[in-house]
Amino acid sequence: MNMACFSIRRRGQRKDEVLSDAIPSSLPSPRLNYQRIEIEACLNAAFAKLSAEHRAVVLLKEHEGMQYHEIATFLNISLGTVMSRLFYAKRRLRSLLRPIYEQL
């Protein structure tokens, strides 16, 4: 090891590397992180404004990934009621979250 270092020094082949000040990061920027947190808070606030029945259907469909017939069986309601509640819940969420979409 010492012989290799000595040989490189003697020949003057040592190259100085210029390092960039910017260190790449896989983490989101603070601004992006703040925006994500703000959007999540608005989503939670809008979700809280839904009725319990609408919240349940949206949660089971979008978060749990259940099918309409599974939700109907789970909640002991008709398939048409599941579809209706999901439609009106999404419409209400869309109207509550419209200001956020316009800002993005």
N, C-alpha and C. Protein backbone atom coordinates (compact mmCIF):
# COMPACT_ATOMS: atom_id res chain seq x y z
N MET A 1 0.83 -1.18 0.00
CA MET A 1 0.00 0.00 0.00
C MET A 1 0.88 1.25 0.00
N ASN A 2 1.88 1.25 0.87
CA ASN A 2 2.79 2.39 0.94
C ASN A 2 3.56 2.57 -0.37
N MET A 3 3.95 1.46 -0.98
CA MET A 3 4.70 1.53 -2.24
C MET A 3 3.83 2.14 -3.34
N ALA A 4 2.55 1.79 -3.37
CA ALA A 4 1.65 2.34 -4.39
C ALA A 4 1.47 3.84 -4.18
N CYS A 5 1.29 4.27 -2.95
CA CYS A 5 1.13 5.70 -2.66
C CYS A 5 2.41 6.45 -3.02
N PHE A 6 3.56 5.88 -2.68
CA PHE A 6 4.84 6.52 -2.98
C PHE A 6 5.03 6.65 -4.49
N SER A 7 4.67 5.61 -5.23
CA SER A 7 4.81 5.63 -6.68
C SER A 7 3.92 6.70 -7.32
N ILE A 8 2.71 6.82 -6.83
CA ILE A 8 1.79 7.84 -7.36
C ILE A 8 2.31 9.23 -7.05
N ARG A 9 2.80 9.44 -5.84
CA ARG A 9 3.33 10.76 -5.46
C ARG A 9 4.56 11.11 -6.31
N ARG A 10 5.39 10.16 -6.54
CA ARG A 10 6.62 10.40 -7.29
C ARG A 10 6.31 10.78 -8.73
N ARG A 11 5.30 10.16 -9.34
CA ARG A 11 4.97 10.46 -10.71
C ARG A 11 4.10 11.71 -10.85
N GLY A 12 3.56 12.18 -9.76
CA GLY A 12 2.74 13.38 -9.82
C GLY A 12 1.39 13.14 -10.49
N GLN A 13 0.89 11.94 -10.41
CA GLN A 13 -0.37 11.61 -11.06
C GLN A 13 -1.57 11.79 -10.14
N ARG A 14 -1.33 12.38 -9.05
CA ARG A 14 -2.43 12.58 -8.11
C ARG A 14 -3.33 13.71 -8.64
N LYS A 15 -4.59 13.46 -8.72
CA LYS A 15 -5.53 14.44 -9.24
C LYS A 15 -6.43 14.90 -8.10
N ASP A 16 -6.60 16.19 -8.04
CA ASP A 16 -7.52 16.73 -7.05
C ASP A 16 -8.92 16.75 -7.65
N GLU A 17 -9.86 16.24 -6.92
CA GLU A 17 -11.24 16.23 -7.36
C GLU A 17 -11.95 17.45 -6.79
N VAL A 18 -12.73 18.09 -7.62
CA VAL A 18 -13.53 19.22 -7.18
C VAL A 18 -14.91 18.69 -6.81
N LEU A 19 -15.27 18.91 -5.58
CA LEU A 19 -16.56 18.42 -5.11
C LEU A 19 -17.60 19.52 -5.23
N SER A 20 -18.76 19.12 -5.60
CA SER A 20 -19.87 20.06 -5.73
C SER A 20 -20.43 20.39 -4.36
N ASP A 21 -20.91 21.62 -4.20
CA ASP A 21 -21.52 22.00 -2.93
C ASP A 21 -22.88 21.34 -2.74
N ALA A 22 -23.51 21.00 -3.84
CA ALA A 22 -24.83 20.40 -3.76
C ALA A 22 -24.70 18.90 -3.49
N ILE A 23 -25.31 18.47 -2.44
CA ILE A 23 -25.30 17.05 -2.11
C ILE A 23 -26.66 16.49 -2.51
N PRO A 24 -26.68 15.56 -3.44
CA PRO A 24 -27.97 15.01 -3.86
C PRO A 24 -28.64 14.27 -2.70
N SER A 25 -29.94 14.42 -2.63
CA SER A 25 -30.69 13.79 -1.55
C SER A 25 -31.93 13.14 -2.12
N SER A 26 -32.26 12.00 -1.57
CA SER A 26 -33.48 11.32 -1.99
C SER A 26 -34.69 11.81 -1.18
N LEU A 27 -34.44 12.66 -0.20
CA LEU A 27 -35.52 13.19 0.63
C LEU A 27 -36.21 14.35 -0.09
N PRO A 28 -37.51 14.52 0.14
CA PRO A 28 -38.19 15.66 -0.48
C PRO A 28 -37.70 16.98 0.12
N SER A 29 -37.79 18.03 -0.66
CA SER A 29 -37.36 19.33 -0.18
C SER A 29 -38.28 19.79 0.94
N PRO A 30 -37.83 20.70 1.79
CA PRO A 30 -38.68 21.19 2.87
C PRO A 30 -39.98 21.80 2.35
N ARG A 31 -39.91 22.51 1.23
CA ARG A 31 -41.11 23.10 0.65
C ARG A 31 -42.10 22.03 0.24
N LEU A 32 -41.61 20.99 -0.43
CA LEU A 32 -42.48 19.89 -0.86
C LEU A 32 -43.08 19.17 0.34
N ASN A 33 -42.26 18.98 1.36
CA ASN A 33 -42.73 18.32 2.57
C ASN A 33 -43.82 19.15 3.25
N TYR A 34 -43.64 20.47 3.32
CA TYR A 34 -44.63 21.36 3.92
C TYR A 34 -45.93 21.33 3.13
N GLN A 35 -45.83 21.35 1.80
CA GLN A 35 -47.02 21.31 0.96
C GLN A 35 -47.79 20.01 1.16
N ARG A 36 -47.05 18.91 1.26
CA ARG A 36 -47.69 17.61 1.47
C ARG A 36 -48.43 17.58 2.80
N ILE A 37 -47.82 18.11 3.84
CA ILE A 37 -48.45 18.15 5.16
C ILE A 37 -49.69 19.04 5.14
N GLU A 38 -49.60 20.16 4.45
CA GLU A 38 -50.73 21.08 4.36
C GLU A 38 -51.89 20.46 3.60
N ILE A 39 -51.60 19.79 2.51
CA ILE A 39 -52.65 19.12 1.73
C ILE A 39 -53.28 18.00 2.54
N GLU A 40 -52.47 17.26 3.26
CA GLU A 40 -52.99 16.18 4.10
C GLU A 40 -53.92 16.73 5.18
N ALA A 41 -53.57 17.87 5.78
CA ALA A 41 -54.43 18.48 6.79
C ALA A 41 -55.76 18.92 6.19
N CYS A 42 -55.72 19.49 4.99
CA CYS A 42 -56.94 19.92 4.31
C CYS A 42 -57.80 18.71 3.95
N LEU A 43 -57.17 17.64 3.51
CA LEU A 43 -57.90 16.42 3.20
C LEU A 43 -58.60 15.86 4.42
N ASN A 44 -57.88 15.82 5.54
CA ASN A 44 -58.47 15.32 6.78
C ASN A 44 -59.62 16.20 7.25
N ALA A 45 -59.48 17.51 7.11
CA ALA A 45 -60.54 18.43 7.50
C ALA A 45 -61.77 18.22 6.62
N ALA A 46 -61.57 18.07 5.32
CA ALA A 46 -62.69 17.85 4.41
C ALA A 46 -63.35 16.50 4.69
N PHE A 47 -62.55 15.50 4.95
CA PHE A 47 -63.07 14.16 5.25
C PHE A 47 -63.90 14.18 6.53
N ALA A 48 -63.49 14.99 7.50
CA ALA A 48 -64.23 15.10 8.77
C ALA A 48 -65.58 15.77 8.59
N LYS A 49 -65.74 16.56 7.53
CA LYS A 49 -67.01 17.24 7.28
C LYS A 49 -68.06 16.32 6.65
N LEU A 50 -67.65 15.14 6.21
CA LEU A 50 -68.60 14.19 5.65
C LEU A 50 -69.40 13.54 6.78
N SER A 51 -70.59 13.08 6.44
CA SER A 51 -71.37 12.34 7.44
C SER A 51 -70.68 11.00 7.71
N ALA A 52 -71.05 10.38 8.82
CA ALA A 52 -70.44 9.10 9.19
C ALA A 52 -70.68 8.03 8.14
N GLU A 53 -71.89 8.03 7.55
CA GLU A 53 -72.21 7.04 6.53
C GLU A 53 -71.35 7.23 5.28
N HIS A 54 -71.18 8.48 4.86
CA HIS A 54 -70.37 8.76 3.69
C HIS A 54 -68.89 8.47 3.96
N ARG A 55 -68.42 8.83 5.14
CA ARG A 55 -67.03 8.56 5.50
C ARG A 55 -66.74 7.07 5.46
N ALA A 56 -67.66 6.27 6.00
CA ALA A 56 -67.47 4.82 6.05
C ALA A 56 -67.34 4.24 4.65
N VAL A 57 -68.21 4.66 3.75
CA VAL A 57 -68.19 4.12 2.39
C VAL A 57 -66.90 4.53 1.68
N VAL A 58 -66.52 5.79 1.80
CA VAL A 58 -65.28 6.25 1.15
C VAL A 58 -64.08 5.52 1.72
N LEU A 59 -64.02 5.38 3.01
CA LEU A 59 -62.90 4.70 3.66
C LEU A 59 -62.79 3.25 3.19
N LEU A 60 -63.91 2.55 3.18
CA LEU A 60 -63.88 1.15 2.75
C LEU A 60 -63.52 1.00 1.28
N LYS A 61 -63.99 1.92 0.45
CA LYS A 61 -63.71 1.82 -0.99
C LYS A 61 -62.29 2.26 -1.32
N GLU A 62 -61.91 3.46 -0.88
CA GLU A 62 -60.64 4.04 -1.31
C GLU A 62 -59.44 3.58 -0.47
N HIS A 63 -59.64 3.41 0.81
CA HIS A 63 -58.51 3.04 1.67
C HIS A 63 -58.34 1.53 1.78
N GLU A 64 -59.47 0.84 1.98
CA GLU A 64 -59.41 -0.61 2.15
C GLU A 64 -59.47 -1.36 0.82
N GLY A 65 -59.90 -0.67 -0.25
CA GLY A 65 -59.94 -1.29 -1.57
C GLY A 65 -61.05 -2.32 -1.76
N MET A 66 -62.11 -2.18 -0.99
CA MET A 66 -63.21 -3.14 -1.10
C MET A 66 -64.07 -2.82 -2.33
N GLN A 67 -64.71 -3.86 -2.85
CA GLN A 67 -65.63 -3.72 -3.97
C GLN A 67 -66.99 -3.28 -3.44
N TYR A 68 -67.85 -2.77 -4.33
CA TYR A 68 -69.16 -2.29 -3.93
C TYR A 68 -69.96 -3.36 -3.18
N HIS A 69 -69.99 -4.57 -3.73
CA HIS A 69 -70.78 -5.63 -3.11
C HIS A 69 -70.22 -6.02 -1.74
N GLU A 70 -68.91 -5.93 -1.57
CA GLU A 70 -68.30 -6.22 -0.27
C GLU A 70 -68.68 -5.16 0.76
N ILE A 71 -68.69 -3.90 0.33
CA ILE A 71 -69.08 -2.80 1.22
C ILE A 71 -70.54 -2.97 1.63
N ALA A 72 -71.39 -3.32 0.66
CA ALA A 72 -72.81 -3.51 0.95
C ALA A 72 -73.01 -4.61 1.98
N THR A 73 -72.31 -5.70 1.82
CA THR A 73 -72.41 -6.80 2.77
C THR A 73 -71.86 -6.39 4.13
N PHE A 74 -70.72 -5.73 4.14
CA PHE A 74 -70.07 -5.33 5.39
C PHE A 74 -70.94 -4.36 6.19
N LEU A 75 -71.55 -3.38 5.50
CA LEU A 75 -72.36 -2.37 6.18
C LEU A 75 -73.84 -2.76 6.28
N ASN A 76 -74.19 -3.90 5.67
CA ASN A 76 -75.57 -4.39 5.68
C ASN A 76 -76.52 -3.37 5.05
N ILE A 77 -76.13 -2.86 3.88
CA ILE A 77 -76.95 -1.94 3.12
C ILE A 77 -77.01 -2.44 1.68
N SER A 78 -77.89 -1.86 0.88
CA SER A 78 -78.02 -2.31 -0.51
C SER A 78 -76.86 -1.77 -1.35
N LEU A 79 -76.68 -2.42 -2.48
CA LEU A 79 -75.63 -2.02 -3.42
C LEU A 79 -75.90 -0.61 -3.94
N GLY A 80 -77.15 -0.30 -4.21
CA GLY A 80 -77.51 1.04 -4.69
C GLY A 80 -77.20 2.11 -3.66
N THR A 81 -77.38 1.79 -2.39
CA THR A 81 -77.07 2.75 -1.33
C THR A 81 -75.57 3.01 -1.26
N VAL A 82 -74.78 1.96 -1.44
CA VAL A 82 -73.32 2.12 -1.46
C VAL A 82 -72.93 3.05 -2.60
N MET A 83 -73.46 2.81 -3.77
CA MET A 83 -73.11 3.62 -4.94
C MET A 83 -73.55 5.07 -4.75
N SER A 84 -74.74 5.25 -4.20
CA SER A 84 -75.26 6.60 -3.97
C SER A 84 -74.41 7.35 -2.95
N ARG A 85 -74.10 6.70 -1.84
CA ARG A 85 -73.29 7.36 -0.80
C ARG A 85 -71.90 7.70 -1.32
N LEU A 86 -71.34 6.82 -2.09
CA LEU A 86 -70.01 7.08 -2.64
C LEU A 86 -70.06 8.26 -3.62
N PHE A 87 -71.07 8.31 -4.45
CA PHE A 87 -71.22 9.40 -5.41
C PHE A 87 -71.32 10.74 -4.69
N TYR A 88 -72.22 10.83 -3.71
CA TYR A 88 -72.43 12.09 -3.00
C TYR A 88 -71.24 12.47 -2.12
N ALA A 89 -70.57 11.48 -1.56
CA ALA A 89 -69.38 11.77 -0.75
C ALA A 89 -68.26 12.33 -1.61
N LYS A 90 -68.05 11.74 -2.77
CA LYS A 90 -67.00 12.24 -3.67
C LYS A 90 -67.33 13.63 -4.19
N ARG A 91 -68.61 13.84 -4.48
CA ARG A 91 -69.02 15.17 -4.95
C ARG A 91 -68.77 16.21 -3.86
N ARG A 92 -69.09 15.88 -2.63
CA ARG A 92 -68.87 16.81 -1.51
C ARG A 92 -67.38 17.05 -1.30
N LEU A 93 -66.57 16.02 -1.33
CA LEU A 93 -65.12 16.17 -1.18
C LEU A 93 -64.55 17.04 -2.30
N ARG A 94 -65.03 16.82 -3.52
CA ARG A 94 -64.56 17.61 -4.65
C ARG A 94 -64.84 19.10 -4.44
N SER A 95 -66.04 19.41 -3.94
CA SER A 95 -66.36 20.82 -3.71
C SER A 95 -65.56 21.41 -2.55
N LEU A 96 -65.30 20.61 -1.52
CA LEU A 96 -64.52 21.10 -0.39
C LEU A 96 -63.05 21.29 -0.73
N LEU A 97 -62.55 20.47 -1.63
CA LEU A 97 -61.11 20.49 -1.95
C LEU A 97 -60.79 21.30 -3.20
N ARG A 98 -61.79 21.87 -3.85
CA ARG A 98 -61.57 22.65 -5.07
C ARG A 98 -60.53 23.76 -4.87
N PRO A 99 -60.56 24.54 -3.78
CA PRO A 99 -59.55 25.59 -3.60
C PRO A 99 -58.12 25.05 -3.58
N ILE A 100 -57.93 23.87 -3.04
CA ILE A 100 -56.58 23.28 -3.01
C ILE A 100 -56.14 22.91 -4.42
N TYR A 101 -57.04 22.30 -5.20
CA TYR A 101 -56.70 21.94 -6.57
C TYR A 101 -56.35 23.16 -7.41
N GLU A 102 -57.04 24.24 -7.18
CA GLU A 102 -56.78 25.47 -7.95
C GLU A 102 -55.43 26.07 -7.59
N GLN A 103 -54.95 25.86 -6.37
CA GLN A 103 -53.65 26.38 -5.96
C GLN A 103 -52.50 25.58 -6.56
N LEU A 104 -52.74 24.28 -6.79
CA LEU A 104 -51.68 23.45 -7.32
C LEU A 104 -51.55 23.75 -8.77
